[in-house]
């Protein structure tokens, strides 16, 4: 069963524009800003970076899902 964090990471991957994501040696990576734009493995994102990467409507859906379940 996927954790909430795994579901959020899948959503980040789904909603991130294709110009800002890709695979490096088979590992899903996204471009984010960390003292400059850098490519980071999806699983290495902090919770704050995950929240910032999600569209507002998706973020709200996760908040609602978490409060109901």
PDB file of N, CA and C in Angstrom:
ATOM      1  N   UNK A   1       0.841  -1.179   0.000  1.00  0.00           N
ATOM      2  CA  UNK A   1       0.000   0.000   0.000  1.00  0.00           C
ATOM      3  C   UNK A   1       0.887   1.244   0.000  1.00  0.00           C
ATOM      4  N   UNK A   2       0.538   2.200  -0.849  1.00  0.00           N
ATOM      5  CA  UNK A   2       1.334   3.419  -0.960  1.00  0.00           C
ATOM      6  C   UNK A   2       1.063   4.359   0.201  1.00  0.00           C
ATOM      7  N   UNK A   3       2.128   5.002   0.659  1.00  0.00           N
ATOM      8  CA  UNK A   3       1.988   6.007   1.706  1.00  0.00           C
ATOM      9  C   UNK A   3       1.492   7.304   1.072  1.00  0.00           C
ATOM     10  N   UNK A   4       1.077   8.235   1.918  1.00  0.00           N
ATOM     11  CA  UNK A   4       0.621   9.533   1.431  1.00  0.00           C
ATOM     12  C   UNK A   4       1.751  10.235   0.687  1.00  0.00           C
ATOM     13  N   UNK A   5       2.975  10.122   1.205  1.00  0.00           N
ATOM     14  CA  UNK A   5       4.132  10.735   0.539  1.00  0.00           C
ATOM     15  C   UNK A   5       4.333  10.146  -0.856  1.00  0.00           C
ATOM     16  N   UNK A   6       4.207   8.829  -0.999  1.00  0.00           N
ATOM     17  CA  UNK A   6       4.352   8.192  -2.310  1.00  0.00           C
ATOM     18  C   UNK A   6       3.282   8.680  -3.284  1.00  0.00           C
ATOM     19  N   UNK A   7       2.067   8.832  -2.798  1.00  0.00           N
ATOM     20  CA  UNK A   7       0.976   9.336  -3.638  1.00  0.00           C
ATOM     21  C   UNK A   7       1.256  10.772  -4.082  1.00  0.00           C
ATOM     22  N   UNK A   8       1.793  11.581  -3.174  1.00  0.00           N
ATOM     23  CA  UNK A   8       2.130  12.963  -3.519  1.00  0.00           C
ATOM     24  C   UNK A   8       3.263  13.003  -4.536  1.00  0.00           C
ATOM     25  N   UNK A   9       4.261  12.132  -4.378  1.00  0.00           N
ATOM     26  CA  UNK A   9       5.362  12.085  -5.339  1.00  0.00           C
ATOM     27  C   UNK A   9       4.859  11.680  -6.722  1.00  0.00           C
ATOM     28  N   UNK A  10       3.935  10.727  -6.770  1.00  0.00           N
ATOM     29  CA  UNK A  10       3.339  10.336  -8.050  1.00  0.00           C
ATOM     30  C   UNK A  10       2.586  11.507  -8.674  1.00  0.00           C
ATOM     31  N   UNK A  11       1.911  12.296  -7.845  1.00  0.00           N
ATOM     32  CA  UNK A  11       1.180  13.465  -8.343  1.00  0.00           C
ATOM     33  C   UNK A  11       2.144  14.535  -8.849  1.00  0.00           C
ATOM     34  N   UNK A  12       3.256  14.733  -8.144  1.00  0.00           N
ATOM     35  CA  UNK A  12       4.267  15.689  -8.612  1.00  0.00           C
ATOM     36  C   UNK A  12       4.751  15.256  -9.986  1.00  0.00           C
ATOM     37  N   UNK A  13       5.046  13.991 -10.155  1.00  0.00           N
ATOM     38  CA  UNK A  13       5.517  13.464 -11.435  1.00  0.00           C
ATOM     39  C   UNK A  13       4.450  13.651 -12.518  1.00  0.00           C
ATOM     40  N   UNK A  14       3.222  13.386 -12.177  1.00  0.00           N
ATOM     41  CA  UNK A  14       2.133  13.486 -13.147  1.00  0.00           C
ATOM     42  C   UNK A  14       1.912  14.926 -13.605  1.00  0.00           C
ATOM     43  N   UNK A  15       1.936  15.869 -12.694  1.00  0.00           N
ATOM     44  CA  UNK A  15       1.573  17.245 -13.025  1.00  0.00           C
ATOM     45  C   UNK A  15       2.751  18.133 -13.401  1.00  0.00           C
ATOM     46  N   UNK A  16       3.982  17.678 -13.201  1.00  0.00           N
ATOM     47  CA  UNK A  16       5.156  18.465 -13.588  1.00  0.00           C
ATOM     48  C   UNK A  16       5.252  18.450 -15.105  1.00  0.00           C
ATOM     49  N   UNK A  17       5.493  19.610 -15.705  1.00  0.00           N
ATOM     50  CA  UNK A  17       5.604  19.697 -17.158  1.00  0.00           C
ATOM     51  C   UNK A  17       6.763  18.832 -17.636  1.00  0.00           C
ATOM     52  N   UNK A  18       6.620  18.254 -18.805  1.00  0.00           N
ATOM     53  CA  UNK A  18       7.638  17.321 -19.310  1.00  0.00           C
ATOM     54  C   UNK A  18       9.000  17.987 -19.506  1.00  0.00           C
ATOM     55  N   UNK A  19       9.020  19.311 -19.672  1.00  0.00           N
ATOM     56  CA  UNK A  19      10.300  20.001 -19.803  1.00  0.00           C
ATOM     57  C   UNK A  19      11.058  20.068 -18.478  1.00  0.00           C
ATOM     58  N   UNK A  20      10.370  19.795 -17.376  1.00  0.00           N
ATOM     59  CA  UNK A  20      10.971  19.904 -16.049  1.00  0.00           C
ATOM     60  C   UNK A  20      11.106  18.574 -15.327  1.00  0.00           C
ATOM     61  N   UNK A  21      11.010  17.494 -16.087  1.00  0.00           N
ATOM     62  CA  UNK A  21      11.186  16.168 -15.489  1.00  0.00           C
ATOM     63  C   UNK A  21      11.835  15.249 -16.507  1.00  0.00           C
ATOM     64  N   UNK A  22      12.416  14.168 -16.000  1.00  0.00           N
ATOM     65  CA  UNK A  22      13.043  13.195 -16.871  1.00  0.00           C
ATOM     66  C   UNK A  22      13.608  12.053 -16.053  1.00  0.00           C
ATOM     67  N   UNK A  23      14.259  11.163 -16.723  1.00  0.00           N
ATOM     68  CA  UNK A  23      14.879  10.018 -16.044  1.00  0.00           C
ATOM     69  C   UNK A  23      16.383  10.069 -16.252  1.00  0.00           C
ATOM     70  N   UNK A  24      17.108   9.861 -15.172  1.00  0.00           N
ATOM     71  CA  UNK A  24      18.554   9.771 -15.235  1.00  0.00           C
ATOM     72  C   UNK A  24      18.914   8.391 -14.716  1.00  0.00           C
ATOM     73  N   UNK A  25      19.481   7.560 -15.596  1.00  0.00           N
ATOM     74  CA  UNK A  25      19.789   6.162 -15.258  1.00  0.00           C
ATOM     75  C   UNK A  25      18.573   5.442 -14.686  1.00  0.00           C
ATOM     76  N   UNK A  26      17.392   5.711 -15.251  1.00  0.00           N
ATOM     77  CA  UNK A  26      16.160   5.051 -14.841  1.00  0.00           C
ATOM     78  C   UNK A  26      15.505   5.634 -13.595  1.00  0.00           C
ATOM     79  N   UNK A  27      16.101   6.659 -13.000  1.00  0.00           N
ATOM     80  CA  UNK A  27      15.559   7.276 -11.785  1.00  0.00           C
ATOM     81  C   UNK A  27      14.784   8.526 -12.185  1.00  0.00           C
ATOM     82  N   UNK A  28      13.540   8.635 -11.704  1.00  0.00           N
ATOM     83  CA  UNK A  28      12.731   9.813 -12.018  1.00  0.00           C
ATOM     84  C   UNK A  28      13.311  11.035 -11.300  1.00  0.00           C
ATOM     85  N   UNK A  29      13.583  12.093 -12.074  1.00  0.00           N
ATOM     86  CA  UNK A  29      14.161  13.322 -11.530  1.00  0.00           C
ATOM     87  C   UNK A  29      13.330  14.506 -11.993  1.00  0.00           C
ATOM     88  N   UNK A  30      13.293  15.548 -11.172  1.00  0.00           N
ATOM     89  CA  UNK A  30      12.591  16.778 -11.515  1.00  0.00           C
ATOM     90  C   UNK A  30      13.510  17.965 -11.280  1.00  0.00           C
ATOM     91  N   UNK A  31      13.261  19.043 -12.010  1.00  0.00           N
ATOM     92  CA  UNK A  31      13.998  20.272 -11.807  1.00  0.00           C
ATOM     93  C   UNK A  31      13.301  21.090 -10.732  1.00  0.00           C
ATOM     94  N   UNK A  32      14.071  21.541  -9.755  1.00  0.00           N
ATOM     95  CA  UNK A  32      13.549  22.410  -8.710  1.00  0.00           C
ATOM     96  C   UNK A  32      14.594  23.474  -8.410  1.00  0.00           C
ATOM     97  N   UNK A  33      14.209  24.445  -7.612  1.00  0.00           N
ATOM     98  CA  UNK A  33      15.128  25.516  -7.249  1.00  0.00           C
ATOM     99  C   UNK A  33      15.683  25.263  -5.858  1.00  0.00           C
ATOM    100  N   UNK A  34      16.989  25.036  -5.782  1.00  0.00           N
ATOM    101  CA  UNK A  34      17.736  24.898  -4.518  1.00  0.00           C
ATOM    102  C   UNK A  34      19.002  25.724  -4.670  1.00  0.00           C
ATOM    103  N   UNK A  35      18.922  26.994  -4.311  1.00  0.00           N
ATOM    104  CA  UNK A  35      20.054  27.910  -4.527  1.00  0.00           C
ATOM    105  C   UNK A  35      20.501  27.885  -5.977  1.00  0.00           C
ATOM    106  N   UNK A  36      19.568  27.714  -6.855  1.00  0.00           N
ATOM    107  CA  UNK A  36      19.792  27.583  -8.290  1.00  0.00           C
ATOM    108  C   UNK A  36      19.009  26.379  -8.782  1.00  0.00           C
ATOM    109  N   UNK A  37      18.704  26.350 -10.041  1.00  0.00           N
ATOM    110  CA  UNK A  37      17.934  25.246 -10.597  1.00  0.00           C
ATOM    111  C   UNK A  37      18.804  23.996 -10.659  1.00  0.00           C
ATOM    112  N   UNK A  38      18.242  22.900 -10.164  1.00  0.00           N
ATOM    113  CA  UNK A  38      18.993  21.642 -10.138  1.00  0.00           C
ATOM    114  C   UNK A  38      18.047  20.469 -10.373  1.00  0.00           C
ATOM    115  N   UNK A  39      18.590  19.393 -10.872  1.00  0.00           N
ATOM    116  CA  UNK A  39      17.832  18.167 -11.075  1.00  0.00           C
ATOM    117  C   UNK A  39      17.986  17.290  -9.835  1.00  0.00           C
ATOM    118  N   UNK A  40      16.845  16.877  -9.285  1.00  0.00           N
ATOM    119  CA  UNK A  40      16.844  16.120  -8.036  1.00  0.00           C
ATOM    120  C   UNK A  40      16.010  14.855  -8.223  1.00  0.00           C
ATOM    121  N   UNK A  41      16.501  13.711  -7.745  1.00  0.00           N
ATOM    122  CA  UNK A  41      15.649  12.510  -7.782  1.00  0.00           C
ATOM    123  C   UNK A  41      14.345  12.776  -7.038  1.00  0.00           C
ATOM    124  N   UNK A  42      13.273  12.312  -7.591  1.00  0.00           N
ATOM    125  CA  UNK A  42      11.942  12.561  -7.037  1.00  0.00           C
ATOM    126  C   UNK A  42      11.868  12.171  -5.565  1.00  0.00           C
ATOM    127  N   UNK A  43      12.486  11.072  -5.204  1.00  0.00           N
ATOM    128  CA  UNK A  43      12.410  10.596  -3.823  1.00  0.00           C
ATOM    129  C   UNK A  43      13.224  11.436  -2.856  1.00  0.00           C
ATOM    130  N   UNK A  44      14.103  12.319  -3.369  1.00  0.00           N
ATOM    131  CA  UNK A  44      14.925  13.173  -2.510  1.00  0.00           C
ATOM    132  C   UNK A  44      14.287  14.527  -2.220  1.00  0.00           C
ATOM    133  N   UNK A  45      13.085  14.772  -2.752  1.00  0.00           N
ATOM    134  CA  UNK A  45      12.411  16.039  -2.481  1.00  0.00           C
ATOM    135  C   UNK A  45      12.017  16.119  -1.006  1.00  0.00           C
ATOM    136  N   UNK A  46      12.135  17.317  -0.439  1.00  0.00           N
ATOM    137  CA  UNK A  46      11.673  17.521   0.928  1.00  0.00           C
ATOM    138  C   UNK A  46      10.153  17.650   0.906  1.00  0.00           C
ATOM    139  N   UNK A  47       9.536  17.551   2.069  1.00  0.00           N
ATOM    140  CA  UNK A  47       8.083  17.704   2.147  1.00  0.00           C
ATOM    141  C   UNK A  47       7.648  19.073   1.637  1.00  0.00           C
ATOM    142  N   UNK A  48       8.409  20.115   1.958  1.00  0.00           N
ATOM    143  CA  UNK A  48       8.075  21.472   1.502  1.00  0.00           C
ATOM    144  C   UNK A  48       8.180  21.576  -0.018  1.00  0.00           C
ATOM    145  N   UNK A  49       9.194  20.944  -0.607  1.00  0.00           N
ATOM    146  CA  UNK A  49       9.355  20.973  -2.063  1.00  0.00           C
ATOM    147  C   UNK A  49       8.225  20.209  -2.746  1.00  0.00           C
ATOM    148  N   UNK A  50       7.780  19.134  -2.133  1.00  0.00           N
ATOM    149  CA  UNK A  50       6.651  18.380  -2.689  1.00  0.00           C
ATOM    150  C   UNK A  50       5.412  19.256  -2.694  1.00  0.00           C
ATOM    151  N   UNK A  51       5.134  19.896  -1.580  1.00  0.00           N
ATOM    152  CA  UNK A  51       3.955  20.761  -1.483  1.00  0.00           C
ATOM    153  C   UNK A  51       4.028  21.898  -2.495  1.00  0.00           C
ATOM    154  N   UNK A  52       5.207  22.495  -2.655  1.00  0.00           N
ATOM    155  CA  UNK A  52       5.376  23.590  -3.608  1.00  0.00           C
ATOM    156  C   UNK A  52       5.216  23.126  -5.052  1.00  0.00           C
ATOM    157  N   UNK A  53       5.495  21.873  -5.324  1.00  0.00           N
ATOM    158  CA  UNK A  53       5.434  21.343  -6.687  1.00  0.00           C
ATOM    159  C   UNK A  53       4.039  20.901  -7.101  1.00  0.00           C
ATOM    160  N   UNK A  54       3.147  20.738  -6.141  1.00  0.00           N
ATOM    161  CA  UNK A  54       1.795  20.290  -6.456  1.00  0.00           C
ATOM    162  C   UNK A  54       0.908  21.476  -6.822  1.00  0.00           C
ATOM    163  N   UNK A  55       0.060  21.317  -7.844  1.00  0.00           N
ATOM    164  CA  UNK A  55      -0.914  22.366  -8.135  1.00  0.00           C
ATOM    165  C   UNK A  55      -1.857  22.550  -6.938  1.00  0.00           C
ATOM    166  N   UNK A  56      -2.404  23.746  -6.765  1.00  0.00           N
ATOM    167  CA  UNK A  56      -3.237  24.068  -5.608  1.00  0.00           C
ATOM    168  C   UNK A  56      -4.424  23.114  -5.459  1.00  0.00           C
ATOM    169  N   UNK A  57      -5.088  22.780  -6.550  1.00  0.00           N
ATOM    170  CA  UNK A  57      -6.257  21.904  -6.477  1.00  0.00           C
ATOM    171  C   UNK A  57      -5.865  20.503  -6.004  1.00  0.00           C
ATOM    172  N   UNK A  58      -4.730  20.019  -6.454  1.00  0.00           N
ATOM    173  CA  UNK A  58      -4.262  18.685  -6.051  1.00  0.00           C
ATOM    174  C   UNK A  58      -3.853  18.713  -4.586  1.00  0.00           C
ATOM    175  N   UNK A  59      -3.168  19.765  -4.185  1.00  0.00           N
ATOM    176  CA  UNK A  59      -2.748  19.927  -2.791  1.00  0.00           C
ATOM    177  C   UNK A  59      -3.970  19.934  -1.878  1.00  0.00           C
ATOM    178  N   UNK A  60      -5.028  20.637  -2.295  1.00  0.00           N
ATOM    179  CA  UNK A  60      -6.265  20.693  -1.513  1.00  0.00           C
ATOM    180  C   UNK A  60      -6.924  19.315  -1.431  1.00  0.00           C
ATOM    181  N   UNK A  61      -6.877  18.560  -2.517  1.00  0.00           N
ATOM    182  CA  UNK A  61      -7.468  17.220  -2.521  1.00  0.00           C
ATOM    183  C   UNK A  61      -6.743  16.306  -1.535  1.00  0.00           C
ATOM    184  N   UNK A  62      -5.426  16.414  -1.478  1.00  0.00           N
ATOM    185  CA  UNK A  62      -4.657  15.603  -0.527  1.00  0.00           C
ATOM    186  C   UNK A  62      -4.969  16.011   0.904  1.00  0.00           C
ATOM    187  N   UNK A  63      -5.128  17.301   1.139  1.00  0.00           N
ATOM    188  CA  UNK A  63      -5.477  17.784   2.478  1.00  0.00           C
ATOM    189  C   UNK A  63      -6.833  17.259   2.908  1.00  0.00           C
ATOM    190  N   UNK A  64      -7.789  17.308   1.974  1.00  0.00           N
ATOM    191  CA  UNK A  64      -9.131  16.797   2.263  1.00  0.00           C
ATOM    192  C   UNK A  64      -9.112  15.299   2.490  1.00  0.00           C
ATOM    193  N   UNK A  65      -8.369  14.561   1.664  1.00  0.00           N
ATOM    194  CA  UNK A  65      -8.270  13.101   1.795  1.00  0.00           C
ATOM    195  C   UNK A  65      -7.655  12.730   3.142  1.00  0.00           C
ATOM    196  N   UNK A  66      -6.630  13.458   3.542  1.00  0.00           N
ATOM    197  CA  UNK A  66      -5.934  13.174   4.790  1.00  0.00           C
ATOM    198  C   UNK A  66      -6.829  13.456   6.000  1.00  0.00           C
ATOM    199  N   UNK A  67      -7.672  14.491   5.927  1.00  0.00           N
ATOM    200  CA  UNK A  67      -8.544  14.811   7.056  1.00  0.00           C
ATOM    201  C   UNK A  67      -9.720  13.832   7.159  1.00  0.00           C
ATOM    202  N   UNK A  68     -10.116  13.239   6.027  1.00  0.00           N
ATOM    203  CA  UNK A  68     -11.229  12.282   6.034  1.00  0.00           C
ATOM    204  C   UNK A  68     -10.774  10.881   6.414  1.00  0.00           C
ATOM    205  N   UNK A  69      -9.556  10.552   6.130  1.00  0.00           N
ATOM    206  CA  UNK A  69      -9.121   9.169   6.308  1.00  0.00           C
ATOM    207  C   UNK A  69      -8.107   9.063   7.332  1.00  0.00           C
TER     208      UNK A  69
END
